[in-house]
Protein backbone atom coordinates (compact mmCIF):
# COMPACT_ATOMS: atom_id res chain seq x y z
CA UNK A 1 92.55 62.13 -16.08
CA UNK A 2 89.51 62.49 -13.94
CA UNK A 3 86.15 62.68 -15.63
CA UNK A 4 85.35 66.23 -16.73
CA UNK A 5 81.99 65.99 -14.92
CA UNK A 6 83.96 65.94 -11.67
CA UNK A 7 85.51 69.30 -12.58
CA UNK A 8 82.06 70.75 -13.17
CA UNK A 9 81.09 69.84 -9.62
CA UNK A 10 84.13 71.58 -8.12
CA UNK A 11 84.88 75.25 -7.91
CA UNK A 12 88.10 74.65 -6.00
CA UNK A 13 91.34 76.49 -5.89
CA UNK A 14 93.67 75.86 -8.83
CA UNK A 15 96.44 73.41 -7.99
CA UNK A 16 99.73 72.40 -9.52
CA UNK A 17 99.65 68.90 -11.01
CA UNK A 18 102.36 66.80 -12.65
CA UNK A 19 101.22 65.39 -15.98
CA UNK A 20 101.32 61.59 -15.71
CA UNK A 21 102.01 61.35 -19.44
CA UNK A 22 105.02 63.67 -19.88
CA UNK A 23 106.02 64.71 -16.33
CA UNK A 24 105.49 68.44 -16.93
CA UNK A 25 103.98 70.53 -14.10
CA UNK A 26 100.83 72.48 -14.97
CA UNK A 27 97.91 74.23 -13.28
CA UNK A 28 94.59 72.43 -12.92
CA UNK A 29 91.74 74.90 -12.35
CA UNK A 30 89.39 72.28 -10.88
CA UNK A 31 86.40 74.14 -12.33
CA UNK A 32 84.51 74.90 -15.52
CA UNK A 33 86.81 77.91 -15.98
CA UNK A 34 89.90 75.69 -16.26
CA UNK A 35 91.86 75.72 -19.54
CA UNK A 36 90.65 72.18 -20.26
CA UNK A 37 87.05 73.42 -20.48
CA UNK A 38 88.04 75.19 -23.72
CA UNK A 39 88.93 71.87 -25.40
CA UNK A 40 86.53 69.66 -27.31
CA UNK A 41 87.57 66.17 -26.27
CA UNK A 42 86.08 63.29 -28.24
CA UNK A 43 84.34 60.65 -26.14
CA UNK A 44 86.87 58.00 -27.21
CA UNK A 45 89.75 60.15 -25.93
CA UNK A 46 87.93 60.85 -22.65
CA UNK A 47 87.37 57.15 -22.06
CA UNK A 48 91.01 56.36 -22.83
CA UNK A 49 92.21 59.06 -20.43
CA UNK A 50 89.86 57.94 -17.66
CA UNK A 51 91.05 54.35 -18.03
CA UNK A 52 94.75 55.28 -18.01
CA UNK A 53 95.18 58.19 -15.62
CA UNK A 54 93.94 59.15 -12.15
CA UNK A 55 94.51 62.86 -12.73
CA UNK A 56 94.40 65.41 -15.54
CA UNK A 57 97.08 65.63 -18.21
CA UNK A 58 98.72 68.85 -19.41
CA UNK A 59 97.42 70.97 -22.27
CA UNK A 60 100.19 69.88 -24.65
CA UNK A 61 99.46 66.19 -24.09
CA UNK A 62 95.71 66.70 -24.31
CA UNK A 63 96.05 68.68 -27.52
CA UNK A 64 98.31 66.00 -28.95
CA UNK A 65 95.81 63.23 -28.14
CA UNK A 66 92.91 65.24 -29.55
CA UNK A 67 94.94 65.97 -32.68
CA UNK A 68 95.87 62.32 -33.07
CA UNK A 69 92.18 61.41 -33.15
CA UNK A 70 91.00 64.03 -35.64
CA UNK A 71 90.06 62.79 -39.14
């Protein structure tokens, strides 16, 4: 997953992306109005995603990873 700061710099056209984690197609808004901007992603999860993936992951996978890290 690209760093969220990169999304904040872009106000591009939404694009269809394939989640590198599960293979599901989803829409990436490429802006601060994207669905991912509504998620609170712990720093540890962000670092893990940035180290593993070159693109965003889908909402289901992101929610699962966030949920797995909650106390």
